């Protein structure tokens, strides 16, 4: 769609990140709405099964021009050895853009801690980037992020572009970044029009409303956020205050959730707060020391058994009085329960057994924090296991560790005759639980307070149908890790299933063995591996192996993380994980690709 300004045609464009769905769905929606162009957001391309040439053709068929490829981050004002790597990455992006048919790339001002406050260095490196871009017929549009490390206003970005003096380098103006910092847009008139390479428009609440909106919509109970509420309370108590501790919480989620459960969670937060300042004495936390088992409830054991068999598990025992089978591989144990209570909508993760040094103490702690022990039918000879319900409904059993003085849950199972010995070398790396949207904050507080697990910062994961939030909780040595997730809930529930991650010393061998046994691994788009080639150096043949098997890769200062995913059975899937000892992540960088691939695997065509 076009308009005119003093006789000059103005076209309309939209960034794919502004829309939900797969890249093909986003392009079709933009075309139907009358847009003449799109900005291709990199995550959308990486998660697409279409090759860049196919995306280019699809846009042409829809009457869309690819106006911008974005973003390229943390490029400029860095030490020379870092910039050399950045140029290598940029060359790969420019080659991709040529295949895509895009002639302008967005470069955001750096937020890297390595970036130096040196305008001359920034201008020089951007000029070198522009020279490389020009070889591919590409222009570089430099944009000041409002939160940039050293460059965060449009006039500062323009000064650097002007100093660089290269015809393939211009500036990108973004209304949000300009207006959110209170910059005077009148100064834009001083920038030559031909050096404004791109304009991005967005509206937002006025800056004066930010804290108010934060206050009115996003407060949460103590222990669910990041403020040092306990520290403040200590000061108040030292001052002599002895009145009530009252919660005043404005939160859109809480206002739509069940009042009863919210009130329970609220009071739990105050109990935990009082414990933190020494004003209340609760049973001490009993931190779980490992995962004893994961229990799957299913109406049909056959597909679950086939999946477990392909993963190298062996059915070794059966419960003496219930339709529950024990499958083992190494230290990983899966219970498959075919009781009549299994729902018809498929297999689900129903329970987790947590190995505890003091199960009775764990139960006392849970009850004191309003997580009462669940009623449970058991035969007189069954092990007396206590369980509480996590906010997502999963039952958490407190199981004794290898203490001969305590009842052993495994004694409830009778070994199957002639069952082969289970393979070794596998344990549960982590479990992922998906929560209803109104239970996410409650889940964080529950696992921190009742189980004594430490929580990492919450992260946002890009799903094709909306953002998901995830927060990991774990014990100190990582033998218990649980990823808590909440997000958009489309009709396709596959990607909102729980999953069990199995640790392996060699994910390539594990993936090959799984596939050789008839298992199906998640298919990952080729674009993802093209991007890996630009980001990391691999040994000869390594990346090709990952591409063939659908193995995803991430790396941080603690080492590498390699992982792949099985098909989904009901609402459960498995992940094979190989992590270096110093890596404590969960593959968040790869989540958008994984989620898109899971959606694609469920959609026709």
Protein backbone atom coordinates (compact mmCIF):
# COMPACT_ATOMS: atom_id res chain seq x y z
CA UNK A 1 0.00 0.00 0.00
CA UNK A 2 1.34 3.46 -0.86
CA UNK A 3 0.54 7.06 -0.08
CA UNK A 4 2.19 10.28 -1.20
CA UNK A 5 4.03 13.16 0.40
CA UNK A 6 4.50 16.15 -1.85
CA UNK A 7 4.10 13.81 -4.81
CA UNK A 8 6.66 11.26 -3.53
CA UNK A 9 5.25 7.73 -3.06
CA UNK A 10 5.36 6.36 0.47
CA UNK A 11 5.16 2.60 0.93
CA UNK A 12 4.11 0.74 4.03
CA UNK A 13 6.12 -2.01 5.71
CA UNK A 14 5.92 -4.11 8.85
CA UNK A 15 8.46 -6.10 10.85
CA UNK A 16 7.66 -9.81 11.03
CA UNK A 17 8.36 -9.69 14.77
CA UNK A 18 5.18 -7.60 15.10
CA UNK A 19 2.99 -10.52 14.04
CA UNK A 20 2.33 -13.98 15.46
CA UNK A 21 2.68 -17.33 13.76
CA UNK A 22 5.18 -18.90 11.39
CA UNK A 23 7.07 -16.77 8.86
CA UNK A 24 4.79 -17.90 6.02
CA UNK A 25 1.72 -16.98 8.08
CA UNK A 26 3.19 -13.57 8.89
CA UNK A 27 4.00 -12.82 5.25
CA UNK A 28 0.52 -13.81 4.09
CA UNK A 29 -1.07 -11.66 6.81
CA UNK A 30 1.03 -8.62 5.87
CA UNK A 31 0.12 -9.01 2.22
CA UNK A 32 -3.61 -9.41 2.93
CA UNK A 33 -3.56 -6.27 5.06
CA UNK A 34 -2.13 -4.25 2.18
CA UNK A 35 1.49 -3.79 3.23
CA UNK A 36 3.98 -3.31 0.45
CA UNK A 37 7.04 -4.58 2.33
CA UNK A 38 8.37 -6.39 5.37
CA UNK A 39 11.33 -6.35 7.68
CA UNK A 40 12.52 -9.94 8.11
CA UNK A 41 13.37 -10.57 11.74
CA UNK A 42 16.26 -13.00 12.03
CA UNK A 43 14.58 -15.41 14.45
CA UNK A 44 11.71 -15.82 12.00
CA UNK A 45 14.11 -16.81 9.24
CA UNK A 46 16.12 -19.19 11.43
CA UNK A 47 12.98 -21.01 12.51
CA UNK A 48 11.56 -21.27 8.98
CA UNK A 49 11.87 -24.50 6.98
CA UNK A 50 12.03 -22.39 3.79
CA UNK A 51 15.41 -21.61 2.24
CA UNK A 52 16.22 -17.89 1.79
CA UNK A 53 15.51 -18.21 -1.95
CA UNK A 54 12.10 -19.69 -1.20
CA UNK A 55 11.29 -16.86 1.21
CA UNK A 56 12.31 -14.37 -1.47
CA UNK A 57 10.02 -16.04 -4.00
CA UNK A 58 7.14 -16.20 -1.50
CA UNK A 59 7.44 -12.47 -0.84
CA UNK A 60 7.49 -11.73 -4.57
CA UNK A 61 4.36 -13.83 -5.10
CA UNK A 62 2.64 -11.91 -2.30
CA UNK A 63 3.68 -8.52 -3.66
CA UNK A 64 5.99 -7.84 -0.74
CA UNK A 65 9.41 -6.22 -0.89
CA UNK A 66 11.97 -7.21 1.73
CA UNK A 67 12.86 -3.76 2.98
CA UNK A 68 15.16 -4.70 5.87
CA UNK A 69 16.90 -7.65 7.49
CA UNK A 70 17.35 -7.27 11.22
CA UNK A 71 18.94 -7.12 13.69
CA UNK A 72 22.74 -7.30 13.71
CA UNK A 73 23.89 -6.68 17.27
CA UNK A 74 27.03 -5.76 19.22
CA UNK A 75 29.22 -4.97 16.22
CA UNK A 76 31.08 -1.72 16.84
CA UNK A 77 33.55 -0.14 19.30
CA UNK A 78 35.02 -3.45 20.40
CA UNK A 79 38.60 -4.78 20.63
CA UNK A 80 40.11 -5.68 17.26
CA UNK A 81 40.05 -9.44 17.79
CA UNK A 82 36.34 -9.26 18.64
CA UNK A 83 35.63 -7.08 15.62
CA UNK A 84 37.42 -9.56 13.36
CA UNK A 85 34.93 -12.20 14.50
CA UNK A 86 32.10 -9.75 13.97
CA UNK A 87 33.19 -9.17 10.38
CA UNK A 88 33.22 -12.91 9.80
CA UNK A 89 29.68 -13.09 11.14
CA UNK A 90 28.65 -10.10 9.03
CA UNK A 91 30.03 -11.65 5.83
CA UNK A 92 27.83 -14.68 6.41
CA UNK A 93 24.79 -12.44 6.98
CA UNK A 94 25.49 -10.46 3.83
CA UNK A 95 25.73 -13.64 1.79
CA UNK A 96 22.40 -14.74 3.27
CA UNK A 97 20.83 -11.34 2.51
CA UNK A 98 21.93 -11.59 -1.11
CA UNK A 99 20.11 -14.92 -1.34
CA UNK A 100 17.13 -13.36 0.41
CA UNK A 101 17.04 -10.30 -1.83
CA UNK A 102 17.34 -7.79 1.01
CA UNK A 103 19.57 -4.76 0.49
CA UNK A 104 19.50 -3.05 3.92
CA UNK A 105 20.57 -4.44 7.29
CA UNK A 106 19.81 -2.96 10.70
CA UNK A 107 22.77 -2.62 13.07
CA UNK A 108 21.82 -1.76 16.65
CA UNK A 109 24.14 0.23 18.90
CA UNK A 110 26.09 -2.17 21.07
CA UNK A 111 24.94 -3.29 24.49
CA UNK A 112 27.95 -5.58 24.93
CA UNK A 113 30.07 -5.17 28.08
CA UNK A 114 33.06 -5.36 25.72
CA UNK A 115 32.01 -2.17 23.91
CA UNK A 116 34.29 0.82 24.49
CA UNK A 117 33.22 4.42 24.91
CA UNK A 118 35.19 5.51 21.85
CA UNK A 119 33.32 7.26 19.02
CA UNK A 120 36.32 7.26 16.72
CA UNK A 121 36.72 3.49 17.11
CA UNK A 122 32.98 2.99 16.53
CA UNK A 123 33.07 5.14 13.37
CA UNK A 124 36.13 3.35 12.02
CA UNK A 125 34.70 -0.10 12.56
CA UNK A 126 31.32 0.83 11.12
CA UNK A 127 33.08 2.19 8.04
CA UNK A 128 34.88 -1.14 7.62
CA UNK A 129 31.56 -2.95 8.04
CA UNK A 130 30.01 -0.70 5.39
CA UNK A 131 32.88 -1.39 2.95
CA UNK A 132 32.23 -5.11 3.32
CA UNK A 133 28.48 -4.58 2.93
CA UNK A 134 29.00 -2.56 -0.24
CA UNK A 135 30.73 -5.54 -1.85
CA UNK A 136 27.38 -7.32 -1.60
CA UNK A 137 25.29 -4.33 -2.66
CA UNK A 138 24.02 -3.86 0.89
CA UNK A 139 23.50 -0.73 2.99
CA UNK A 140 23.99 -0.58 6.77
CA UNK A 141 21.42 1.33 8.84
CA UNK A 142 22.84 2.16 12.29
CA UNK A 143 20.28 2.64 15.06
CA UNK A 144 20.68 3.97 18.60
CA UNK A 145 18.99 1.66 21.09
CA UNK A 146 17.49 3.57 24.00
CA UNK A 147 19.39 1.18 26.28
CA UNK A 148 22.63 1.12 24.26
CA UNK A 149 25.78 0.85 26.34
CA UNK A 150 27.38 4.05 25.06
CA UNK A 151 25.23 5.14 22.12
CA UNK A 152 21.58 5.57 23.05
CA UNK A 153 20.35 8.73 21.30
CA UNK A 154 19.71 9.25 17.61
CA UNK A 155 21.91 12.37 17.40
CA UNK A 156 24.87 10.48 18.87
CA UNK A 157 24.38 7.67 16.35
CA UNK A 158 24.25 10.20 13.53
CA UNK A 159 27.50 11.85 14.64
CA UNK A 160 29.22 8.45 14.43
CA UNK A 161 27.71 7.73 10.99
CA UNK A 162 28.75 11.18 9.76
CA UNK A 163 32.30 10.68 11.05
CA UNK A 164 32.53 7.29 9.33
CA UNK A 165 31.79 8.96 6.01
CA UNK A 166 30.92 5.88 3.97
CA UNK A 167 28.10 5.98 1.39
CA UNK A 168 26.86 2.50 2.38
CA UNK A 169 26.42 3.60 6.01
CA UNK A 170 23.40 5.57 7.14
CA UNK A 171 21.14 5.79 10.16
CA UNK A 172 17.88 4.17 11.15
CA UNK A 173 15.44 6.30 13.11
CA UNK A 174 13.05 4.57 15.49
CA UNK A 175 10.26 6.61 17.06
CA UNK A 176 10.22 4.55 20.25
CA UNK A 177 13.94 4.83 20.94
CA UNK A 178 13.84 8.57 20.25
CA UNK A 179 10.71 9.51 22.19
CA UNK A 180 11.20 7.13 25.11
CA UNK A 181 14.39 9.00 26.04
CA UNK A 182 12.74 12.40 25.67
CA UNK A 183 15.00 13.41 22.79
CA UNK A 184 13.93 16.41 20.72
CA UNK A 185 13.01 15.10 17.25
CA UNK A 186 13.53 18.52 15.73
CA UNK A 187 17.23 17.74 15.37
CA UNK A 188 16.37 15.13 12.71
CA UNK A 189 16.01 18.01 10.27
CA UNK A 190 19.79 18.45 10.37
CA UNK A 191 20.40 14.93 9.01
CA UNK A 192 20.63 14.74 5.21
CA UNK A 193 17.62 12.85 3.93
CA UNK A 194 19.72 10.43 1.91
CA UNK A 195 21.53 9.32 5.05
CA UNK A 196 18.30 8.27 6.75
CA UNK A 197 18.23 4.71 5.50
CA UNK A 198 15.18 3.51 7.39
CA UNK A 199 12.36 4.70 9.64
CA UNK A 200 10.64 2.51 12.24
CA UNK A 201 7.48 3.74 13.95
CA UNK A 202 5.95 2.66 17.24
CA UNK A 203 3.86 4.22 19.99
CA UNK A 204 3.99 3.51 23.73
CA UNK A 205 2.69 4.89 27.03
CA UNK A 206 4.42 8.11 28.04
CA UNK A 207 7.57 7.61 30.13
CA UNK A 208 5.83 9.20 33.14
CA UNK A 209 3.40 6.27 33.11
CA UNK A 210 6.05 3.57 33.22
CA UNK A 211 6.36 3.27 36.99
CA UNK A 212 2.63 3.74 37.42
CA UNK A 213 1.82 0.91 35.01
CA UNK A 214 4.50 -1.21 36.63
CA UNK A 215 2.88 -0.52 39.97
CA UNK A 216 -0.74 -1.01 38.95
CA UNK A 217 -0.33 -4.09 36.80
CA UNK A 218 2.85 -5.97 37.64
CA UNK A 219 3.38 -6.08 41.38
CA UNK A 220 3.74 -9.54 42.88
CA UNK A 221 4.11 -11.16 46.27
CA UNK A 222 7.44 -11.11 48.15
CA UNK A 223 9.71 -13.86 46.90
CA UNK A 224 8.21 -13.83 43.41
CA UNK A 225 10.14 -10.82 42.14
CA UNK A 226 13.63 -9.39 42.45
CA UNK A 227 13.33 -6.74 45.16
CA UNK A 228 15.04 -7.13 48.52
CA UNK A 229 11.79 -6.95 50.50
CA UNK A 230 13.35 -8.78 53.42
CA UNK A 231 16.10 -6.17 53.69
CA UNK A 232 13.52 -3.39 53.83
CA UNK A 233 11.50 -5.24 56.45
CA UNK A 234 14.59 -5.61 58.62
CA UNK A 235 15.02 -1.84 58.67
CA UNK A 236 11.34 -1.34 59.56
CA UNK A 237 11.51 -3.83 62.40
CA UNK A 238 14.72 -2.26 63.73
CA UNK A 239 12.88 1.03 63.85
CA UNK A 240 10.45 -0.54 66.29
CA UNK A 241 7.45 -1.27 64.08
CA UNK A 242 5.27 -4.08 65.41
CA UNK A 243 2.12 -3.60 63.39
CA UNK A 244 0.71 -5.89 60.67
CA UNK A 245 2.64 -6.93 57.59
CA UNK A 246 0.12 -6.07 54.89
CA UNK A 247 0.27 -6.93 51.18
CA UNK A 248 -0.92 -4.33 48.66
CA UNK A 249 -0.47 -5.99 45.29
CA UNK A 250 -1.80 -4.73 41.96
CA UNK A 251 -1.47 -7.47 39.36
CA UNK A 252 -3.65 -8.21 36.33
CA UNK A 253 -3.00 -11.95 36.62
CA UNK A 254 -3.97 -12.14 40.26
CA UNK A 255 -7.18 -10.18 39.55
CA UNK A 256 -8.27 -12.85 37.08
CA UNK A 257 -7.14 -15.94 39.01
CA UNK A 258 -9.02 -17.87 41.67
CA UNK A 259 -9.13 -15.79 44.84
CA UNK A 260 -8.67 -18.79 47.11
CA UNK A 261 -5.41 -20.01 45.60
CA UNK A 262 -4.11 -16.45 45.31
CA UNK A 263 -4.75 -15.83 49.00
CA UNK A 264 -2.90 -19.03 49.90
CA UNK A 265 0.05 -17.95 47.82
CA UNK A 266 -0.03 -14.49 49.39
CA UNK A 267 0.09 -15.82 52.91
CA UNK A 268 2.84 -18.26 51.99
CA UNK A 269 4.91 -15.30 50.83
CA UNK A 270 4.50 -13.56 54.20
CA UNK A 271 5.48 -16.70 56.09
CA UNK A 272 8.62 -16.97 53.99
CA UNK A 273 9.36 -13.28 54.50
CA UNK A 274 9.03 -13.58 58.26
CA UNK A 275 11.29 -16.61 58.22
CA UNK A 276 13.90 -14.61 56.30
CA UNK A 277 14.06 -11.89 58.97
CA UNK A 278 13.89 -14.24 61.94
CA UNK A 279 10.34 -13.29 62.89
CA UNK A 280 8.89 -16.78 62.37
CA UNK A 281 10.23 -20.26 62.86
CA UNK A 282 9.23 -22.81 60.21
CA UNK A 283 10.39 -26.36 59.69
CA UNK A 284 13.69 -25.96 57.83
CA UNK A 285 13.75 -26.62 54.07
CA UNK A 286 14.74 -30.11 52.99
CA UNK A 287 16.38 -29.59 49.63
CA UNK A 288 15.91 -32.56 47.31
CA UNK A 289 19.11 -34.33 46.35
CA UNK A 290 17.99 -35.92 43.10
CA UNK A 291 15.16 -37.14 40.89
CA UNK A 292 14.01 -40.58 42.00
CA UNK A 293 11.51 -41.06 39.18
CA UNK A 294 9.13 -39.38 36.75
CA UNK A 295 5.68 -40.92 36.41
CA UNK A 296 3.73 -40.86 33.15
CA UNK A 297 -0.02 -41.44 33.26
CA UNK A 298 -1.28 -42.83 29.96
CA UNK A 299 -4.36 -44.55 28.54
CA UNK A 300 -2.15 -46.48 26.10
CA UNK A 301 1.20 -47.89 27.17
CA UNK A 302 2.23 -49.03 23.69
CA UNK A 303 3.46 -45.70 22.18
CA UNK A 304 5.09 -44.75 25.48
CA UNK A 305 6.83 -48.12 25.68
CA UNK A 306 8.03 -47.83 22.09
CA UNK A 307 9.50 -44.39 22.80
CA UNK A 308 11.20 -45.53 26.00
CA UNK A 309 12.59 -48.61 24.28
CA UNK A 310 14.09 -46.49 21.52
CA UNK A 311 15.66 -44.31 24.21
CA UNK A 312 17.37 -47.37 25.65
CA UNK A 313 15.10 -47.90 28.63
CA UNK A 314 14.25 -51.40 29.83
CA UNK A 315 11.01 -52.44 31.54
CA UNK A 316 12.41 -54.01 34.69
CA UNK A 317 9.61 -54.24 37.26
CA UNK A 318 5.89 -53.93 37.90
CA UNK A 319 4.07 -52.54 40.91
CA UNK A 320 2.77 -55.29 43.19
CA UNK A 321 -0.77 -53.93 43.32
CA UNK A 322 -1.20 -51.26 40.63
CA UNK A 323 -0.96 -51.11 36.81
CA UNK A 324 2.39 -49.31 36.96
CA UNK A 325 5.57 -50.46 35.20
CA UNK A 326 9.09 -49.35 36.09
CA UNK A 327 11.38 -48.53 33.17
CA UNK A 328 15.07 -47.87 33.80
CA UNK A 329 18.17 -46.66 32.09
CA UNK A 330 21.11 -45.90 34.33
CA UNK A 331 19.95 -43.60 37.11
CA UNK A 332 16.88 -42.47 35.16
CA UNK A 333 13.63 -44.17 36.14
CA UNK A 334 10.27 -43.71 34.43
CA UNK A 335 7.01 -45.08 35.83
CA UNK A 336 4.30 -45.82 33.25
CA UNK A 337 0.88 -45.81 34.89
CA UNK A 338 -2.13 -47.14 32.96
CA UNK A 339 -4.67 -46.71 35.75
CA UNK A 340 -8.30 -46.03 34.81
CA UNK A 341 -7.79 -42.39 35.86
CA UNK A 342 -5.62 -41.82 32.78
CA UNK A 343 -7.20 -39.12 30.70
CA UNK A 344 -8.34 -39.80 27.20
CA UNK A 345 -6.47 -36.80 25.84
CA UNK A 346 -3.20 -38.69 26.06
CA UNK A 347 -0.05 -39.23 28.02
CA UNK A 348 1.00 -36.65 30.60
CA UNK A 349 3.60 -36.20 33.31
CA UNK A 350 1.62 -36.92 36.47
CA UNK A 351 4.23 -37.11 39.23
CA UNK A 352 7.87 -36.59 40.10
CA UNK A 353 9.69 -38.44 42.84
CA UNK A 354 12.25 -36.28 44.62
CA UNK A 355 15.01 -37.99 46.56
CA UNK A 356 15.10 -36.33 49.99
CA UNK A 357 17.39 -36.89 52.96
CA UNK A 358 14.41 -36.29 55.27
CA UNK A 359 11.04 -37.01 53.59
CA UNK A 360 9.05 -36.42 56.79
CA UNK A 361 10.77 -33.06 57.30
CA UNK A 362 10.02 -32.10 53.70
CA UNK A 363 6.34 -32.87 54.28
CA UNK A 364 6.28 -30.80 57.49
CA UNK A 365 7.83 -27.86 55.65
CA UNK A 366 5.27 -28.15 52.86
CA UNK A 367 2.32 -28.24 55.23
CA UNK A 368 3.61 -25.25 57.18
CA UNK A 369 3.69 -23.31 53.91
CA UNK A 370 0.11 -24.20 52.94
CA UNK A 371 1.00 -27.11 50.66
CA UNK A 372 -0.85 -29.93 52.44
CA UNK A 373 0.12 -33.54 51.85
CA UNK A 374 -2.19 -35.13 49.30
CA UNK A 375 -4.51 -37.96 50.35
CA UNK A 376 -3.29 -41.21 48.82
CA UNK A 377 -4.70 -44.70 48.70
CA UNK A 378 -2.13 -47.35 49.40
CA UNK A 379 -2.02 -50.95 50.44
CA UNK A 380 -0.63 -51.77 53.89
CA UNK A 381 2.57 -53.10 52.33
CA UNK A 382 3.16 -50.01 50.14
CA UNK A 383 5.93 -47.57 51.04
CA UNK A 384 4.50 -44.58 53.01
CA UNK A 385 5.30 -41.84 50.51
CA UNK A 386 4.05 -38.31 51.14
CA UNK A 387 3.21 -36.10 48.17
CA UNK A 388 2.15 -32.48 47.61
CA UNK A 389 0.72 -30.87 44.48
CA UNK A 390 2.81 -28.38 42.55
CA UNK A 391 0.92 -25.39 41.11
CA UNK A 392 0.65 -27.08 37.69
CA UNK A 393 -1.03 -30.11 39.31
CA UNK A 394 2.01 -32.40 39.14
CA UNK A 395 2.33 -34.52 42.28
CA UNK A 396 5.69 -34.26 44.02
CA UNK A 397 6.64 -37.31 46.10
CA UNK A 398 9.23 -37.10 48.85
CA UNK A 399 11.28 -40.29 48.48
CA UNK A 400 13.98 -41.52 50.81
CA UNK A 401 17.54 -41.51 49.55
CA UNK A 402 19.64 -44.67 49.94
CA UNK A 403 19.10 -44.79 53.68
CA UNK A 404 18.41 -48.35 54.89
CA UNK A 405 16.55 -46.91 57.89
CA UNK A 406 13.88 -45.35 55.65
CA UNK A 407 11.23 -47.04 53.46
CA UNK A 408 12.30 -47.54 49.85
CA UNK A 409 9.64 -46.87 47.18
CA UNK A 410 11.34 -49.40 44.88
CA UNK A 411 10.31 -52.19 47.26
CA UNK A 412 6.74 -51.71 45.96
CA UNK A 413 7.86 -53.17 42.63
CA UNK A 414 8.50 -56.81 41.75
CA UNK A 415 11.27 -57.54 39.26
CA UNK A 416 10.08 -58.93 35.97
CA UNK A 417 11.41 -62.40 35.17
CA UNK A 418 14.11 -62.49 32.51
CA UNK A 419 14.19 -58.69 32.23
CA UNK A 420 17.51 -57.60 30.71
CA UNK A 421 19.78 -55.46 32.82
CA UNK A 422 19.16 -51.75 32.12
CA UNK A 423 21.76 -49.78 30.18
CA UNK A 424 23.97 -47.40 32.10
CA UNK A 425 25.11 -43.82 31.55
CA UNK A 426 21.83 -41.91 31.78
CA UNK A 427 20.22 -39.74 34.43
CA UNK A 428 17.58 -37.00 34.46
CA UNK A 429 19.23 -33.69 33.57
CA UNK A 430 16.11 -31.61 34.14
CA UNK A 431 12.34 -31.59 33.93
CA UNK A 432 10.20 -28.92 32.29
CA UNK A 433 6.71 -28.16 33.61
CA UNK A 434 4.23 -25.96 31.77
CA UNK A 435 1.90 -23.96 34.00
CA UNK A 436 -1.40 -22.19 33.48
CA UNK A 437 -0.80 -18.50 32.83
CA UNK A 438 -2.08 -17.48 36.27
CA UNK A 439 0.18 -19.89 38.22
CA UNK A 440 3.63 -18.88 36.99
CA UNK A 441 4.60 -16.56 39.86
CA UNK A 442 3.02 -18.95 42.33
CA UNK A 443 5.13 -21.78 40.90
CA UNK A 444 8.34 -19.84 41.42
CA UNK A 445 7.52 -19.08 45.05
CA UNK A 446 6.33 -22.66 45.67
CA UNK A 447 9.55 -24.29 44.45
CA UNK A 448 11.74 -21.77 46.24
CA UNK A 449 9.92 -21.89 49.58
CA UNK A 450 8.54 -25.42 49.87
CA UNK A 451 11.42 -27.26 48.19
CA UNK A 452 14.25 -24.85 48.97
CA UNK A 453 15.40 -24.62 45.34
CA UNK A 454 17.25 -21.58 44.06
CA UNK A 455 15.69 -19.62 41.19
CA UNK A 456 17.38 -18.09 38.18
CA UNK A 457 16.14 -14.97 36.43
CA UNK A 458 13.02 -15.26 34.29
CA UNK A 459 13.60 -15.29 30.53
CA UNK A 460 11.28 -14.67 27.59
CA UNK A 461 11.18 -17.30 24.85
CA UNK A 462 9.91 -16.45 21.37
CA UNK A 463 7.12 -18.79 20.34
CA UNK A 464 5.62 -18.31 16.84
CA UNK A 465 2.29 -17.60 18.53
CA UNK A 466 3.46 -15.31 21.32
CA UNK A 467 6.07 -14.92 24.03
CA UNK A 468 6.55 -17.58 26.67
CA UNK A 469 8.12 -17.00 30.07
CA UNK A 470 10.46 -19.49 31.66
CA UNK A 471 12.28 -19.62 34.96
CA UNK A 472 14.54 -22.39 36.16
CA UNK A 473 14.83 -23.59 39.75
CA UNK A 474 17.56 -25.96 40.92
CA UNK A 475 19.47 -27.24 43.92
CA UNK A 476 23.09 -26.25 44.45
CA UNK A 477 24.77 -29.11 42.60
CA UNK A 478 22.28 -29.25 39.72
CA UNK A 479 21.09 -32.78 40.51
CA UNK A 480 17.55 -31.37 40.59
CA UNK A 481 16.67 -28.90 37.86
CA UNK A 482 13.12 -27.88 36.95
CA UNK A 483 12.24 -25.38 34.22
CA UNK A 484 8.94 -23.62 34.92
CA UNK A 485 7.21 -22.26 31.83
CA UNK A 486 4.06 -20.38 30.93
CA UNK A 487 3.05 -18.91 27.59
CA UNK A 488 0.53 -18.52 24.83
CA UNK A 489 -1.85 -21.46 24.56
CA UNK A 490 -2.95 -22.10 20.97
CA UNK A 491 -5.06 -25.09 20.02
CA UNK A 492 -1.84 -26.99 19.35
CA UNK A 493 -0.81 -28.17 22.82
CA UNK A 494 2.30 -30.09 21.72
CA UNK A 495 4.79 -27.38 22.60
CA UNK A 496 3.05 -26.76 25.91
CA UNK A 497 3.66 -30.31 27.02
CA UNK A 498 5.97 -31.26 29.86
CA UNK A 499 9.26 -32.82 28.93
CA UNK A 500 11.97 -34.92 30.51
CA UNK A 501 15.59 -34.16 29.66
CA UNK A 502 18.00 -37.09 29.86
CA UNK A 503 21.70 -36.44 30.42
CA UNK A 504 24.18 -38.27 28.23
CA UNK A 505 27.94 -38.11 27.80
CA UNK A 506 27.63 -38.34 24.00
CA UNK A 507 24.48 -36.86 22.50
CA UNK A 508 25.53 -37.80 18.97
CA UNK A 509 25.82 -41.49 19.88
CA UNK A 510 22.57 -41.31 21.86
CA UNK A 511 20.70 -39.66 18.97
CA UNK A 512 22.02 -42.18 16.48
CA UNK A 513 21.08 -45.10 18.72
CA UNK A 514 17.61 -43.64 19.23
CA UNK A 515 17.06 -43.20 15.53
CA UNK A 516 18.46 -46.64 14.72
CA UNK A 517 15.94 -48.09 17.17
CA UNK A 518 13.09 -46.51 15.23
CA UNK A 519 12.76 -43.27 17.20
CA UNK A 520 11.92 -39.99 15.49
CA UNK A 521 13.84 -36.84 16.33
CA UNK A 522 12.53 -33.32 15.83
CA UNK A 523 13.43 -31.90 12.41
CA UNK A 524 15.34 -28.61 12.65
CA UNK A 525 15.39 -26.13 9.70
CA UNK A 526 18.59 -25.87 7.63
CA UNK A 527 18.66 -22.10 8.23
CA UNK A 528 19.45 -22.75 11.87
CA UNK A 529 22.63 -24.64 10.99
CA UNK A 530 23.66 -22.00 8.46
CA UNK A 531 23.51 -19.52 11.32
CA UNK A 532 25.51 -21.81 13.63
CA UNK A 533 28.26 -21.90 10.99
CA UNK A 534 28.55 -18.13 11.24
CA UNK A 535 28.51 -18.00 15.01
CA UNK A 536 30.86 -20.82 15.99
CA UNK A 537 33.83 -22.79 14.73
CA UNK A 538 33.27 -26.53 14.49
CA UNK A 539 35.53 -29.48 13.80
CA UNK A 540 35.33 -30.99 10.32
CA UNK A 541 32.02 -32.80 9.92
CA UNK A 542 30.71 -31.79 13.34
CA UNK A 543 28.08 -29.34 12.12
CA UNK A 544 26.97 -31.73 9.37
CA UNK A 545 26.39 -34.39 12.02
CA UNK A 546 24.29 -31.99 14.08
CA UNK A 547 22.30 -31.05 10.98
CA UNK A 548 21.65 -34.69 10.12
CA UNK A 549 20.44 -35.59 13.61
CA UNK A 550 18.61 -32.38 14.52
CA UNK A 551 21.01 -31.56 17.36
CA UNK A 552 20.88 -27.98 18.66
CA UNK A 553 23.96 -26.22 20.00
CA UNK A 554 24.62 -23.42 22.46
CA UNK A 555 27.73 -22.16 24.22
CA UNK A 556 28.57 -19.74 26.99
CA UNK A 557 31.57 -19.05 29.21
CA UNK A 558 30.89 -22.32 31.05
CA UNK A 559 31.10 -24.50 27.96
CA UNK A 560 28.83 -26.08 25.38
CA UNK A 561 25.29 -27.44 25.49
CA UNK A 562 24.13 -29.95 22.87
CA UNK A 563 20.58 -31.24 22.80
CA UNK A 564 17.87 -32.75 20.62
CA UNK A 565 14.22 -33.66 21.03
CA UNK A 566 12.03 -36.67 20.42
CA UNK A 567 8.56 -36.69 18.94
CA UNK A 568 5.73 -35.91 21.35
CA UNK A 569 3.51 -38.64 22.78
CA UNK A 570 0.32 -37.13 24.16
CA UNK A 571 1.63 -34.19 26.17
CA UNK A 572 5.13 -35.47 26.90
CA UNK A 573 8.37 -35.50 24.95
CA UNK A 574 11.98 -36.25 25.81
CA UNK A 575 15.18 -34.29 25.33
CA UNK A 576 18.68 -35.74 25.02
CA UNK A 577 21.23 -33.44 26.63
CA UNK A 578 25.01 -33.26 26.69
CA UNK A 579 26.23 -30.36 28.80
CA UNK A 580 29.76 -29.34 29.65
CA UNK A 581 30.25 -29.25 33.44
CA UNK A 582 30.34 -25.44 33.58
CA UNK A 583 27.23 -24.85 31.46
CA UNK A 584 24.16 -24.20 33.59
CA UNK A 585 21.65 -23.17 30.93
CA UNK A 586 18.77 -25.00 29.28
CA UNK A 587 19.16 -24.04 25.62
CA UNK A 588 17.04 -20.87 25.83
CA UNK A 589 18.78 -19.44 22.76
CA UNK A 590 17.48 -22.38 20.74
CA UNK A 591 13.93 -22.32 22.13
CA UNK A 592 12.43 -20.25 19.26
CA UNK A 593 13.71 -22.76 16.71
CA UNK A 594 12.57 -25.75 18.76
CA UNK A 595 9.10 -24.29 19.38
CA UNK A 596 8.63 -23.39 15.72
CA UNK A 597 9.74 -26.86 14.64
CA UNK A 598 7.30 -28.46 17.06
CA UNK A 599 4.47 -26.30 15.74
CA UNK A 600 5.43 -27.14 12.16
CA UNK A 601 5.47 -30.83 12.97
CA UNK A 602 1.83 -30.64 14.05
CA UNK A 603 0.51 -28.47 11.22
CA UNK A 604 -0.60 -29.87 7.86
CA UNK A 605 1.82 -29.24 5.00
